[in-house]
PDB file of N, CA and C in Angstrom:
ATOM      1  N   UNK A   1      76.807  50.633 175.790  1.00  0.00           N
ATOM      2  CA  UNK A   1      76.631  51.545 174.652  1.00  0.00           C
ATOM      3  C   UNK A   1      77.930  51.286 173.802  1.00  0.00           C
ATOM      4  N   UNK A   2      77.687  50.963 172.560  1.00  0.00           N
ATOM      5  CA  UNK A   2      78.784  50.836 171.691  1.00  0.00           C
ATOM      6  C   UNK A   2      79.617  52.018 171.371  1.00  0.00           C
ATOM      7  N   UNK A   3      80.948  51.838 171.222  1.00  0.00           N
ATOM      8  CA  UNK A   3      81.805  53.004 170.843  1.00  0.00           C
ATOM      9  C   UNK A   3      81.705  53.368 169.426  1.00  0.00           C
ATOM     10  N   UNK A   4      82.370  54.440 169.168  1.00  0.00           N
ATOM     11  CA  UNK A   4      82.500  54.885 167.801  1.00  0.00           C
ATOM     12  C   UNK A   4      83.139  53.812 166.935  1.00  0.00           C
ATOM     13  N   UNK A   5      84.106  53.105 167.377  1.00  0.00           N
ATOM     14  CA  UNK A   5      84.859  51.936 166.521  1.00  0.00           C
ATOM     15  C   UNK A   5      83.689  50.909 166.271  1.00  0.00           C
ATOM     16  N   UNK A   6      82.829  50.632 167.132  1.00  0.00           N
ATOM     17  CA  UNK A   6      81.890  49.656 166.735  1.00  0.00           C
ATOM     18  C   UNK A   6      80.956  50.132 165.580  1.00  0.00           C
ATOM     19  N   UNK A   7      80.562  51.346 165.685  1.00  0.00           N
ATOM     20  CA  UNK A   7      79.663  51.890 164.614  1.00  0.00           C
ATOM     21  C   UNK A   7      80.476  51.857 163.383  1.00  0.00           C
ATOM     22  N   UNK A   8      81.777  52.336 163.340  1.00  0.00           N
ATOM     23  CA  UNK A   8      82.501  52.276 162.138  1.00  0.00           C
ATOM     24  C   UNK A   8      82.768  50.901 161.551  1.00  0.00           C
ATOM     25  N   UNK A   9      82.943  49.895 162.493  1.00  0.00           N
ATOM     26  CA  UNK A   9      82.963  48.566 162.095  1.00  0.00           C
ATOM     27  C   UNK A   9      81.681  48.185 161.417  1.00  0.00           C
ATOM     28  N   UNK A  10      80.578  48.419 161.959  1.00  0.00           N
ATOM     29  CA  UNK A  10      79.335  48.060 161.381  1.00  0.00           C
ATOM     30  C   UNK A  10      79.109  48.624 160.092  1.00  0.00           C
ATOM     31  N   UNK A  11      79.373  49.906 159.983  1.00  0.00           N
ATOM     32  CA  UNK A  11      79.241  50.625 158.628  1.00  0.00           C
ATOM     33  C   UNK A  11      80.051  50.039 157.604  1.00  0.00           C
ATOM     34  N   UNK A  12      81.377  49.699 158.021  1.00  0.00           N
ATOM     35  CA  UNK A  12      82.308  49.094 157.061  1.00  0.00           C
ATOM     36  C   UNK A  12      81.799  47.798 156.505  1.00  0.00           C
ATOM     37  N   UNK A  13      81.208  46.905 157.441  1.00  0.00           N
ATOM     38  CA  UNK A  13      80.764  45.582 157.094  1.00  0.00           C
ATOM     39  C   UNK A  13      79.399  45.736 156.234  1.00  0.00           C
ATOM     40  N   UNK A  14      78.709  46.730 156.441  1.00  0.00           N
ATOM     41  CA  UNK A  14      77.408  46.930 155.622  1.00  0.00           C
ATOM     42  C   UNK A  14      77.997  47.432 154.278  1.00  0.00           C
ATOM     43  N   UNK A  15      79.046  48.159 154.267  1.00  0.00           N
ATOM     44  CA  UNK A  15      79.547  48.629 152.808  1.00  0.00           C
ATOM     45  C   UNK A  15      80.026  47.495 152.066  1.00  0.00           C
ATOM     46  N   UNK A  16      80.809  46.659 152.736  1.00  0.00           N
ATOM     47  CA  UNK A  16      81.371  45.487 152.063  1.00  0.00           C
ATOM     48  C   UNK A  16      80.339  44.513 151.591  1.00  0.00           C
ATOM     49  N   UNK A  17      79.323  44.337 152.395  1.00  0.00           N
ATOM     50  CA  UNK A  17      78.258  43.473 152.082  1.00  0.00           C
ATOM     51  C   UNK A  17      77.460  44.067 150.823  1.00  0.00           C
ATOM     52  N   UNK A  18      77.158  45.297 150.850  1.00  0.00           N
ATOM     53  CA  UNK A  18      76.529  45.910 149.701  1.00  0.00           C
ATOM     54  C   UNK A  18      77.390  45.835 148.430  1.00  0.00           C
ATOM     55  N   UNK A  19      78.625  46.089 148.582  1.00  0.00           N
ATOM     56  CA  UNK A  19      79.504  45.923 147.449  1.00  0.00           C
ATOM     57  C   UNK A  19      79.539  44.605 146.862  1.00  0.00           C
ATOM     58  N   UNK A  20      79.540  43.562 147.743  1.00  0.00           N
ATOM     59  CA  UNK A  20      79.607  42.121 147.321  1.00  0.00           C
ATOM     60  C   UNK A  20      78.230  41.803 146.547  1.00  0.00           C
ATOM     61  N   UNK A  21      77.173  42.269 147.292  1.00  0.00           N
ATOM     62  CA  UNK A  21      75.828  41.965 146.697  1.00  0.00           C
ATOM     63  C   UNK A  21      75.642  42.526 145.293  1.00  0.00           C
ATOM     64  N   UNK A  22      76.120  43.806 145.159  1.00  0.00           N
ATOM     65  CA  UNK A  22      76.084  44.624 143.785  1.00  0.00           C
ATOM     66  C   UNK A  22      76.938  43.849 142.767  1.00  0.00           C
ATOM     67  N   UNK A  23      78.214  43.466 143.183  1.00  0.00           N
ATOM     68  CA  UNK A  23      78.976  42.606 142.321  1.00  0.00           C
ATOM     69  C   UNK A  23      78.440  41.414 141.712  1.00  0.00           C
ATOM     70  N   UNK A  24      77.660  40.640 142.636  1.00  0.00           N
ATOM     71  CA  UNK A  24      77.047  39.408 142.318  1.00  0.00           C
ATOM     72  C   UNK A  24      75.869  39.673 141.269  1.00  0.00           C
ATOM     73  N   UNK A  25      75.145  40.772 141.526  1.00  0.00           N
ATOM     74  CA  UNK A  25      74.018  41.146 140.762  1.00  0.00           C
ATOM     75  C   UNK A  25      74.517  41.513 139.333  1.00  0.00           C
ATOM     76  N   UNK A  26      75.592  42.265 139.382  1.00  0.00           N
ATOM     77  CA  UNK A  26      76.123  42.789 138.004  1.00  0.00           C
ATOM     78  C   UNK A  26      76.761  41.634 137.171  1.00  0.00           C
ATOM     79  N   UNK A  27      77.346  40.656 137.831  1.00  0.00           N
ATOM     80  CA  UNK A  27      77.834  39.496 137.211  1.00  0.00           C
ATOM     81  C   UNK A  27      76.630  38.715 136.573  1.00  0.00           C
ATOM     82  N   UNK A  28      75.635  38.497 137.221  1.00  0.00           N
ATOM     83  CA  UNK A  28      74.428  37.755 136.795  1.00  0.00           C
ATOM     84  C   UNK A  28      73.894  38.436 135.469  1.00  0.00           C
ATOM     85  N   UNK A  29      73.763  39.732 135.673  1.00  0.00           N
ATOM     86  CA  UNK A  29      73.165  40.625 134.585  1.00  0.00           C
ATOM     87  C   UNK A  29      74.104  40.509 133.368  1.00  0.00           C
ATOM     88  N   UNK A  30      75.352  40.591 133.477  1.00  0.00           N
ATOM     89  CA  UNK A  30      76.379  40.467 132.340  1.00  0.00           C
ATOM     90  C   UNK A  30      76.265  39.122 131.694  1.00  0.00           C
ATOM     91  N   UNK A  31      76.061  38.105 132.577  1.00  0.00           N
ATOM     92  CA  UNK A  31      75.982  36.830 131.920  1.00  0.00           C
ATOM     93  C   UNK A  31      74.575  36.667 131.086  1.00  0.00           C
ATOM     94  N   UNK A  32      73.566  37.282 131.640  1.00  0.00           N
ATOM     95  CA  UNK A  32      72.273  37.256 130.963  1.00  0.00           C
ATOM     96  C   UNK A  32      72.399  38.002 129.653  1.00  0.00           C
ATOM     97  N   UNK A  33      73.061  39.173 129.822  1.00  0.00           N
ATOM     98  CA  UNK A  33      73.304  39.993 128.556  1.00  0.00           C
ATOM     99  C   UNK A  33      74.029  39.310 127.525  1.00  0.00           C
ATOM    100  N   UNK A  34      75.098  38.706 127.848  1.00  0.00           N
ATOM    101  CA  UNK A  34      75.931  37.967 126.917  1.00  0.00           C
ATOM    102  C   UNK A  34      75.153  36.849 126.228  1.00  0.00           C
ATOM    103  N   UNK A  35      74.261  36.068 126.988  1.00  0.00           N
ATOM    104  CA  UNK A  35      73.419  35.177 126.356  1.00  0.00           C
ATOM    105  C   UNK A  35      72.581  35.691 125.285  1.00  0.00           C
ATOM    106  N   UNK A  36      71.889  36.863 125.584  1.00  0.00           N
ATOM    107  CA  UNK A  36      71.013  37.498 124.750  1.00  0.00           C
ATOM    108  C   UNK A  36      71.644  37.999 123.474  1.00  0.00           C
ATOM    109  N   UNK A  37      72.810  38.622 123.646  1.00  0.00           N
ATOM    110  CA  UNK A  37      73.643  39.119 122.524  1.00  0.00           C
ATOM    111  C   UNK A  37      74.077  37.927 121.617  1.00  0.00           C
ATOM    112  N   UNK A  38      74.532  36.843 122.247  1.00  0.00           N
ATOM    113  CA  UNK A  38      74.951  35.692 121.512  1.00  0.00           C
ATOM    114  C   UNK A  38      73.791  35.131 120.683  1.00  0.00           C
ATOM    115  N   UNK A  39      72.582  35.035 121.168  1.00  0.00           N
ATOM    116  CA  UNK A  39      71.495  34.614 120.503  1.00  0.00           C
ATOM    117  C   UNK A  39      71.147  35.550 119.231  1.00  0.00           C
ATOM    118  N   UNK A  40      71.243  36.755 119.526  1.00  0.00           N
ATOM    119  CA  UNK A  40      71.007  37.741 118.405  1.00  0.00           C
ATOM    120  C   UNK A  40      71.955  37.504 117.292  1.00  0.00           C
ATOM    121  N   UNK A  41      73.343  37.432 117.683  1.00  0.00           N
ATOM    122  CA  UNK A  41      74.390  37.207 116.673  1.00  0.00           C
ATOM    123  C   UNK A  41      74.230  35.919 115.939  1.00  0.00           C
ATOM    124  N   UNK A  42      73.768  34.769 116.646  1.00  0.00           N
ATOM    125  CA  UNK A  42      73.594  33.474 115.988  1.00  0.00           C
ATOM    126  C   UNK A  42      72.445  33.618 114.979  1.00  0.00           C
ATOM    127  N   UNK A  43      71.344  34.357 115.383  1.00  0.00           N
ATOM    128  CA  UNK A  43      70.220  34.539 114.410  1.00  0.00           C
ATOM    129  C   UNK A  43      70.688  35.289 113.150  1.00  0.00           C
ATOM    130  N   UNK A  44      71.630  36.362 113.351  1.00  0.00           N
ATOM    131  CA  UNK A  44      71.978  37.194 112.198  1.00  0.00           C
ATOM    132  C   UNK A  44      72.834  36.326 111.289  1.00  0.00           C
ATOM    133  N   UNK A  45      73.789  35.387 111.940  1.00  0.00           N
ATOM    134  CA  UNK A  45      74.595  34.586 111.112  1.00  0.00           C
ATOM    135  C   UNK A  45      73.757  33.568 110.334  1.00  0.00           C
ATOM    136  N   UNK A  46      72.684  32.961 111.006  1.00  0.00           N
ATOM    137  CA  UNK A  46      71.717  32.073 110.361  1.00  0.00           C
ATOM    138  C   UNK A  46      71.049  32.702 109.174  1.00  0.00           C
ATOM    139  N   UNK A  47      70.698  34.063 109.274  1.00  0.00           N
ATOM    140  CA  UNK A  47      70.042  34.791 108.144  1.00  0.00           C
ATOM    141  C   UNK A  47      70.991  35.291 107.147  1.00  0.00           C
ATOM    142  N   UNK A  48      72.322  35.045 107.346  1.00  0.00           N
ATOM    143  CA  UNK A  48      73.290  35.502 106.409  1.00  0.00           C
ATOM    144  C   UNK A  48      73.619  37.060 106.477  1.00  0.00           C
ATOM    145  N   UNK A  49      73.187  37.568 107.487  1.00  0.00           N
ATOM    146  CA  UNK A  49      73.490  39.043 107.586  1.00  0.00           C
ATOM    147  C   UNK A  49      74.889  39.329 108.159  1.00  0.00           C
ATOM    148  N   UNK A  50      75.534  38.465 108.700  1.00  0.00           N
ATOM    149  CA  UNK A  50      76.896  38.662 109.157  1.00  0.00           C
ATOM    150  C   UNK A  50      77.644  37.272 109.203  1.00  0.00           C
ATOM    151  N   UNK A  51      78.967  37.193 109.106  1.00  0.00           N
ATOM    152  CA  UNK A  51      79.668  35.971 109.118  1.00  0.00           C
ATOM    153  C   UNK A  51      80.019  35.734 110.563  1.00  0.00           C
ATOM    154  N   UNK A  52      80.548  34.481 110.827  1.00  0.00           N
ATOM    155  CA  UNK A  52      80.932  34.210 112.255  1.00  0.00           C
ATOM    156  C   UNK A  52      81.973  35.107 112.868  1.00  0.00           C
ATOM    157  N   UNK A  53      82.921  35.487 112.197  1.00  0.00           N
ATOM    158  CA  UNK A  53      83.991  36.475 112.636  1.00  0.00           C
ATOM    159  C   UNK A  53      83.268  37.727 113.056  1.00  0.00           C
ATOM    160  N   UNK A  54      82.383  38.220 112.203  1.00  0.00           N
ATOM    161  CA  UNK A  54      81.721  39.642 112.545  1.00  0.00           C
ATOM    162  C   UNK A  54      80.832  39.335 113.831  1.00  0.00           C
ATOM    163  N   UNK A  55      80.229  38.090 113.897  1.00  0.00           N
ATOM    164  CA  UNK A  55      79.269  37.945 115.052  1.00  0.00           C
ATOM    165  C   UNK A  55      80.196  37.801 116.328  1.00  0.00           C
ATOM    166  N   UNK A  56      81.307  37.249 116.211  1.00  0.00           N
ATOM    167  CA  UNK A  56      82.194  37.206 117.536  1.00  0.00           C
ATOM    168  C   UNK A  56      82.688  38.586 117.903  1.00  0.00           C
ATOM    169  N   UNK A  57      82.958  39.390 116.891  1.00  0.00           N
ATOM    170  CA  UNK A  57      83.371  40.832 117.267  1.00  0.00           C
ATOM    171  C   UNK A  57      82.214  41.660 117.734  1.00  0.00           C
ATOM    172  N   UNK A  58      80.957  41.392 117.181  1.00  0.00           N
ATOM    173  CA  UNK A  58      79.824  42.079 117.706  1.00  0.00           C
ATOM    174  C   UNK A  58      79.453  41.739 119.088  1.00  0.00           C
ATOM    175  N   UNK A  59      79.618  40.404 119.508  1.00  0.00           N
ATOM    176  CA  UNK A  59      79.391  40.065 120.948  1.00  0.00           C
ATOM    177  C   UNK A  59      80.496  40.745 121.807  1.00  0.00           C
ATOM    178  N   UNK A  60      81.715  40.577 121.428  1.00  0.00           N
ATOM    179  CA  UNK A  60      82.743  41.242 122.257  1.00  0.00           C
ATOM    180  C   UNK A  60      82.559  42.697 122.536  1.00  0.00           C
ATOM    181  N   UNK A  61      82.255  43.396 121.349  1.00  0.00           N
ATOM    182  CA  UNK A  61      81.931  44.916 121.380  1.00  0.00           C
ATOM    183  C   UNK A  61      80.891  45.247 122.392  1.00  0.00           C
ATOM    184  N   UNK A  62      79.691  44.503 122.190  1.00  0.00           N
ATOM    185  CA  UNK A  62      78.569  44.737 123.069  1.00  0.00           C
ATOM    186  C   UNK A  62      78.960  44.563 124.545  1.00  0.00           C
ATOM    187  N   UNK A  63      79.737  43.415 124.808  1.00  0.00           N
ATOM    188  CA  UNK A  63      80.064  43.120 126.242  1.00  0.00           C
ATOM    189  C   UNK A  63      81.016  44.192 126.776  1.00  0.00           C
ATOM    190  N   UNK A  64      81.886  44.739 125.929  1.00  0.00           N
ATOM    191  CA  UNK A  64      82.820  45.834 126.307  1.00  0.00           C
ATOM    192  C   UNK A  64      81.953  47.106 126.748  1.00  0.00           C
ATOM    193  N   UNK A  65      80.962  47.378 125.788  1.00  0.00           N
ATOM    194  CA  UNK A  65      80.162  48.591 125.949  1.00  0.00           C
ATOM    195  C   UNK A  65      79.361  48.372 127.370  1.00  0.00           C
ATOM    196  N   UNK A  66      78.799  47.277 127.589  1.00  0.00           N
ATOM    197  CA  UNK A  66      78.019  46.977 128.679  1.00  0.00           C
ATOM    198  C   UNK A  66      78.742  47.135 130.017  1.00  0.00           C
ATOM    199  N   UNK A  67      80.169  46.734 129.890  1.00  0.00           N
ATOM    200  CA  UNK A  67      80.912  46.725 131.121  1.00  0.00           C
ATOM    201  C   UNK A  67      81.413  48.246 131.401  1.00  0.00           C
ATOM    202  N   UNK A  68      81.452  49.032 130.359  1.00  0.00           N
ATOM    203  CA  UNK A  68      82.014  50.432 130.537  1.00  0.00           C
ATOM    204  C   UNK A  68      80.961  51.435 130.871  1.00  0.00           C
ATOM    205  N   UNK A  69      79.794  51.268 130.234  1.00  0.00           N
ATOM    206  CA  UNK A  69      78.845  52.239 130.412  1.00  0.00           C
ATOM    207  C   UNK A  69      78.017  52.138 131.822  1.00  0.00           C
ATOM    208  N   UNK A  70      77.889  53.217 132.520  1.00  0.00           N
ATOM    209  CA  UNK A  70      77.150  53.113 133.743  1.00  0.00           C
ATOM    210  C   UNK A  70      75.752  53.144 133.426  1.00  0.00           C
ATOM    211  N   UNK A  71      74.949  52.288 134.154  1.00  0.00           N
ATOM    212  CA  UNK A  71      73.482  52.175 133.844  1.00  0.00           C
ATOM    213  C   UNK A  71      72.732  53.257 134.657  1.00  0.00           C
ATOM    214  N   UNK A  72      71.973  53.990 133.854  1.00  0.00           N
ATOM    215  CA  UNK A  72      71.242  55.062 134.585  1.00  0.00           C
ATOM    216  C   UNK A  72      70.027  54.567 135.465  1.00  0.00           C
ATOM    217  N   UNK A  73      69.998  55.134 136.588  1.00  0.00           N
ATOM    218  CA  UNK A  73      69.029  54.702 137.485  1.00  0.00           C
ATOM    219  C   UNK A  73      67.917  55.830 137.884  1.00  0.00           C
ATOM    220  N   UNK A  74      66.875  55.486 138.495  1.00  0.00           N
ATOM    221  CA  UNK A  74      65.939  56.576 138.845  1.00  0.00           C
ATOM    222  C   UNK A  74      66.625  57.658 139.781  1.00  0.00           C
ATOM    223  N   UNK A  75      67.451  57.276 140.558  1.00  0.00           N
ATOM    224  CA  UNK A  75      68.025  58.125 141.505  1.00  0.00           C
ATOM    225  C   UNK A  75      69.288  58.966 140.994  1.00  0.00           C
ATOM    226  N   UNK A  76      69.765  58.559 139.876  1.00  0.00           N
ATOM    227  CA  UNK A  76      71.017  59.026 139.436  1.00  0.00           C
ATOM    228  C   UNK A  76      70.928  60.627 139.051  1.00  0.00           C
ATOM    229  N   UNK A  77      69.675  60.985 138.527  1.00  0.00           N
ATOM    230  CA  UNK A  77      69.620  62.495 138.254  1.00  0.00           C
ATOM    231  C   UNK A  77      69.292  63.183 139.548  1.00  0.00           C
ATOM    232  N   UNK A  78      68.843  62.648 140.570  1.00  0.00           N
ATOM    233  CA  UNK A  78      68.453  63.284 141.813  1.00  0.00           C
ATOM    234  C   UNK A  78      69.620  63.499 142.755  1.00  0.00           C
ATOM    235  N   UNK A  79      70.742  62.712 142.655  1.00  0.00           N
ATOM    236  CA  UNK A  79      71.805  62.821 143.596  1.00  0.00           C
ATOM    237  C   UNK A  79      72.917  63.540 142.988  1.00  0.00           C
ATOM    238  N   UNK A  80      72.915  64.871 143.302  1.00  0.00           N
ATOM    239  CA  UNK A  80      73.866  65.723 142.521  1.00  0.00           C
ATOM    240  C   UNK A  80      74.754  66.336 143.766  1.00  0.00           C
ATOM    241  N   UNK A  81      74.482  66.056 145.000  1.00  0.00           N
ATOM    242  CA  UNK A  81      75.208  66.535 146.017  1.00  0.00           C
ATOM    243  C   UNK A  81      76.610  66.021 146.051  1.00  0.00           C
ATOM    244  N   UNK A  82      77.681  66.724 146.452  1.00  0.00           N
ATOM    245  CA  UNK A  82      79.057  66.214 146.519  1.00  0.00           C
ATOM    246  C   UNK A  82      79.303  65.745 147.918  1.00  0.00           C
ATOM    247  N   UNK A  83      78.467  66.006 148.847  1.00  0.00           N
ATOM    248  CA  UNK A  83      78.669  65.539 150.250  1.00  0.00           C
ATOM    249  C   UNK A  83      77.961  64.191 150.429  1.00  0.00           C
ATOM    250  N   UNK A  84      78.651  63.161 151.075  1.00  0.00           N
ATOM    251  CA  UNK A  84      77.938  61.851 151.211  1.00  0.00           C
ATOM    252  C   UNK A  84      76.911  62.045 152.257  1.00  0.00           C
ATOM    253  N   UNK A  85      75.854  61.234 152.177  1.00  0.00           N
ATOM    254  CA  UNK A  85      74.707  61.210 153.080  1.00  0.00           C
ATOM    255  C   UNK A  85      75.239  60.484 154.504  1.00  0.00           C
ATOM    256  N   UNK A  86      74.904  61.267 155.516  1.00  0.00           N
ATOM    257  CA  UNK A  86      75.295  60.595 156.823  1.00  0.00           C
ATOM    258  C   UNK A  86      74.448  59.476 157.135  1.00  0.00           C
ATOM    259  N   UNK A  87      74.970  58.466 157.755  1.00  0.00           N
ATOM    260  CA  UNK A  87      74.294  57.238 158.179  1.00  0.00           C
ATOM    261  C   UNK A  87      74.629  57.009 159.604  1.00  0.00           C
ATOM    262  N   UNK A  88      73.646  56.730 160.499  1.00  0.00           N
ATOM    263  CA  UNK A  88      73.804  56.619 161.789  1.00  0.00           C
ATOM    264  C   UNK A  88      73.190  55.201 162.215  1.00  0.00           C
ATOM    265  N   UNK A  89      73.980  54.367 162.804  1.00  0.00           N
ATOM    266  CA  UNK A  89      73.470  53.055 163.213  1.00  0.00           C
ATOM    267  C   UNK A  89      73.103  53.052 164.703  1.00  0.00           C
ATOM    268  N   UNK A  90      71.923  52.731 165.018  1.00  0.00           N
ATOM    269  CA  UNK A  90      71.412  52.876 166.435  1.00  0.00           C
ATOM    270  C   UNK A  90      71.124  51.487 166.997  1.00  0.00           C
ATOM    271  N   UNK A  91      71.440  51.259 168.231  1.00  0.00           N
ATOM    272  CA  UNK A  91      71.037  50.093 168.972  1.00  0.00           C
ATOM    273  C   UNK A  91      69.472  50.219 169.198  1.00  0.00           C
ATOM    274  N   UNK A  92      68.862  49.303 169.679  1.00  0.00           N
ATOM    275  CA  UNK A  92      67.410  49.356 169.943  1.00  0.00           C
ATOM    276  C   UNK A  92      67.029  50.445 171.002  1.00  0.00           C
ATOM    277  N   UNK A  93      67.826  50.466 171.983  1.00  0.00           N
ATOM    278  CA  UNK A  93      67.417  51.429 173.093  1.00  0.00           C
ATOM    279  C   UNK A  93      68.022  52.717 172.894  1.00  0.00           C
ATOM    280  N   UNK A  94      68.953  52.909 172.087  1.00  0.00           N
ATOM    281  CA  UNK A  94      69.870  54.046 171.959  1.00  0.00           C
ATOM    282  C   UNK A  94      69.121  55.192 171.340  1.00  0.00           C
ATOM    283  N   UNK A  95      69.215  56.479 171.787  1.00  0.00           N
ATOM    284  CA  UNK A  95      68.670  57.677 171.227  1.00  0.00           C
ATOM    285  C   UNK A  95      69.646  58.296 170.158  1.00  0.00           C
ATOM    286  N   UNK A  96      69.160  58.806 169.073  1.00  0.00           N
ATOM    287  CA  UNK A  96      70.103  59.485 168.127  1.00  0.00           C
ATOM    288  C   UNK A  96      70.772  60.564 168.789  1.00  0.00           C
ATOM    289  N   UNK A  97      72.170  60.827 168.493  1.00  0.00           N
ATOM    290  CA  UNK A  97      72.931  61.919 169.008  1.00  0.00           C
ATOM    291  C   UNK A  97      73.880  62.405 167.845  1.00  0.00           C
ATOM    292  N   UNK A  98      74.203  63.554 168.016  1.00  0.00           N
ATOM    293  CA  UNK A  98      75.241  64.144 166.918  1.00  0.00           C
ATOM    294  C   UNK A  98      76.587  63.901 167.554  1.00  0.00           C
ATOM    295  N   UNK A  99      77.354  63.141 166.795  1.00  0.00           N
ATOM    296  CA  UNK A  99      78.793  62.872 167.298  1.00  0.00           C
ATOM    297  C   UNK A  99      79.787  63.603 166.585  1.00  0.00           C
ATOM    298  N   UNK A 100      80.665  64.212 167.173  1.00  0.00           N
ATOM    299  CA  UNK A 100      81.752  65.048 166.624  1.00  0.00           C
ATOM    300  C   UNK A 100      82.997  64.040 166.299  1.00  0.00           C
ATOM    301  N   UNK A 101      83.548  64.073 165.139  1.00  0.00           N
ATOM    302  CA  UNK A 101      84.778  63.319 164.813  1.00  0.00           C
ATOM    303  C   UNK A 101      85.864  64.296 164.499  1.00  0.00           C
ATOM    304  N   UNK A 102      87.025  63.813 164.862  1.00  0.00           N
ATOM    305  CA  UNK A 102      88.256  64.664 164.414  1.00  0.00           C
ATOM    306  C   UNK A 102      88.509  64.498 162.879  1.00  0.00           C
ATOM    307  N   UNK A 103      89.122  65.631 162.368  1.00  0.00           N
ATOM    308  CA  UNK A 103      89.316  65.598 160.925  1.00  0.00           C
ATOM    309  C   UNK A 103      90.284  64.431 160.510  1.00  0.00           C
ATOM    310  N   UNK A 104      91.210  64.040 161.491  1.00  0.00           N
ATOM    311  CA  UNK A 104      92.179  63.004 161.109  1.00  0.00           C
ATOM    312  C   UNK A 104      91.394  61.602 160.846  1.00  0.00           C
ATOM    313  N   UNK A 105      90.402  61.496 161.868  1.00  0.00           N
ATOM    314  CA  UNK A 105      89.625  60.173 161.830  1.00  0.00           C
ATOM    315  C   UNK A 105      88.814  60.219 160.449  1.00  0.00           C
ATOM    316  N   UNK A 106      88.229  61.320 160.097  1.00  0.00           N
ATOM    317  CA  UNK A 106      87.428  61.430 158.920  1.00  0.00           C
ATOM    318  C   UNK A 106      88.323  61.086 157.712  1.00  0.00           C
ATOM    319  N   UNK A 107      89.504  61.709 157.663  1.00  0.00           N
ATOM    320  CA  UNK A 107      90.354  61.476 156.537  1.00  0.00           C
ATOM    321  C   UNK A 107      90.843  60.070 156.457  1.00  0.00           C
ATOM    322  N   UNK A 108      91.074  59.422 157.631  1.00  0.00           N
ATOM    323  CA  UNK A 108      91.524  58.008 157.605  1.00  0.00           C
ATOM    324  C   UNK A 108      90.309  57.151 157.030  1.00  0.00           C
ATOM    325  N   UNK A 109      89.057  57.476 157.537  1.00  0.00           N
ATOM    326  CA  UNK A 109      87.948  56.715 157.016  1.00  0.00           C
ATOM    327  C   UNK A 109      87.868  56.978 155.476  1.00  0.00           C
ATOM    328  N   UNK A 110      87.859  58.078 155.055  1.00  0.00           N
ATOM    329  CA  UNK A 110      87.777  58.481 153.604  1.00  0.00           C
ATOM    330  C   UNK A 110      88.921  57.639 152.830  1.00  0.00           C
ATOM    331  N   UNK A 111      90.145  57.707 153.292  1.00  0.00           N
ATOM    332  CA  UNK A 111      91.205  56.935 152.696  1.00  0.00           C
ATOM    333  C   UNK A 111      90.755  55.369 152.446  1.00  0.00           C
ATOM    334  N   UNK A 112      90.277  54.825 153.687  1.00  0.00           N
ATOM    335  CA  UNK A 112      89.786  53.448 153.614  1.00  0.00           C
ATOM    336  C   UNK A 112      88.841  53.156 152.565  1.00  0.00           C
ATOM    337  N   UNK A 113      87.849  54.138 152.590  1.00  0.00           N
ATOM    338  CA  UNK A 113      86.659  53.900 151.548  1.00  0.00           C
ATOM    339  C   UNK A 113      87.188  53.972 150.144  1.00  0.00           C
ATOM    340  N   UNK A 114      88.156  54.984 149.787  1.00  0.00           N
ATOM    341  CA  UNK A 114      88.728  55.063 148.573  1.00  0.00           C
ATOM    342  C   UNK A 114      89.496  53.852 148.040  1.00  0.00           C
ATOM    343  N   UNK A 115      90.225  53.257 149.056  1.00  0.00           N
ATOM    344  CA  UNK A 115      90.995  52.031 148.823  1.00  0.00           C
ATOM    345  C   UNK A 115      90.095  50.858 148.481  1.00  0.00           C
ATOM    346  N   UNK A 116      88.947  50.740 149.319  1.00  0.00           N
ATOM    347  CA  UNK A 116      87.961  49.656 149.054  1.00  0.00           C
ATOM    348  C   UNK A 116      87.243  49.934 147.766  1.00  0.00           C
ATOM    349  N   UNK A 117      87.023  51.145 147.339  1.00  0.00           N
ATOM    350  CA  UNK A 117      86.326  51.357 146.054  1.00  0.00           C
ATOM    351  C   UNK A 117      87.301  50.959 144.963  1.00  0.00           C
ATOM    352  N   UNK A 118      88.570  51.220 144.983  1.00  0.00           N
ATOM    353  CA  UNK A 118      89.502  50.812 144.027  1.00  0.00           C
ATOM    354  C   UNK A 118      89.635  49.368 143.921  1.00  0.00           C
ATOM    355  N   UNK A 119      89.647  48.633 145.002  1.00  0.00           N
ATOM    356  CA  UNK A 119      89.728  47.245 145.036  1.00  0.00           C
ATOM    357  C   UNK A 119      88.492  46.580 144.385  1.00  0.00           C
ATOM    358  N   UNK A 120      87.345  47.131 144.695  1.00  0.00           N
ATOM    359  CA  UNK A 120      86.139  46.736 144.015  1.00  0.00           C
ATOM    360  C   UNK A 120      86.148  46.893 142.500  1.00  0.00           C
ATOM    361  N   UNK A 121      86.611  48.019 142.050  1.00  0.00           N
ATOM    362  CA  UNK A 121      86.741  48.225 140.783  1.00  0.00           C
ATOM    363  C   UNK A 121      87.695  47.113 140.000  1.00  0.00           C
ATOM    364  N   UNK A 122      88.771  46.778 140.780  1.00  0.00           N
ATOM    365  CA  UNK A 122      89.778  45.858 140.133  1.00  0.00           C
ATOM    366  C   UNK A 122      89.105  44.450 140.167  1.00  0.00           C
ATOM    367  N   UNK A 123      88.222  44.161 141.138  1.00  0.00           N
ATOM    368  CA  UNK A 123      87.630  42.883 141.148  1.00  0.00           C
ATOM    369  C   UNK A 123      86.563  42.692 140.058  1.00  0.00           C
ATOM    370  N   UNK A 124      85.840  43.890 139.808  1.00  0.00           N
ATOM    371  CA  UNK A 124      84.846  43.885 138.790  1.00  0.00           C
ATOM    372  C   UNK A 124      85.457  43.726 137.440  1.00  0.00           C
ATOM    373  N   UNK A 125      86.644  44.459 137.180  1.00  0.00           N
ATOM    374  CA  UNK A 125      87.354  44.226 135.932  1.00  0.00           C
ATOM    375  C   UNK A 125      87.810  42.756 135.608  1.00  0.00           C
ATOM    376  N   UNK A 126      88.158  42.104 136.777  1.00  0.00           N
ATOM    377  CA  UNK A 126      88.752  40.792 136.613  1.00  0.00           C
ATOM    378  C   UNK A 126      87.676  39.711 136.320  1.00  0.00           C
ATOM    379  N   UNK A 127      86.394  40.114 136.541  1.00  0.00           N
ATOM    380  CA  UNK A 127      85.286  39.049 136.427  1.00  0.00           C
ATOM    381  C   UNK A 127      84.963  38.859 134.893  1.00  0.00           C
TER     382      UNK A 127
END
């Protein structure tokens, strides 16, 4: 039977994997958005509605807005709880149990999650 450390390690790897996947998806969406905004700006320049300098600023402003604004999702309105949802990873033959954790252990895990979130934000800003 795996110990609490194994479960924490699996949860950590799951979180890192999800964060990496989300970063890749966001990067792809931003590249697609940049392409669409650039096409729109090029069309407006061709029609004489703006000059090339205005088009360049338009594209930069739109990309800044896209990177700063959170995208609303279907679940964003429903999740108003301040408590995180508990996740339990089970082995095939293992029965679910309620495990007690010490407050120090929870605080350590919370600190690790906060550090990882900050690192993810830094990586997303650098892209």
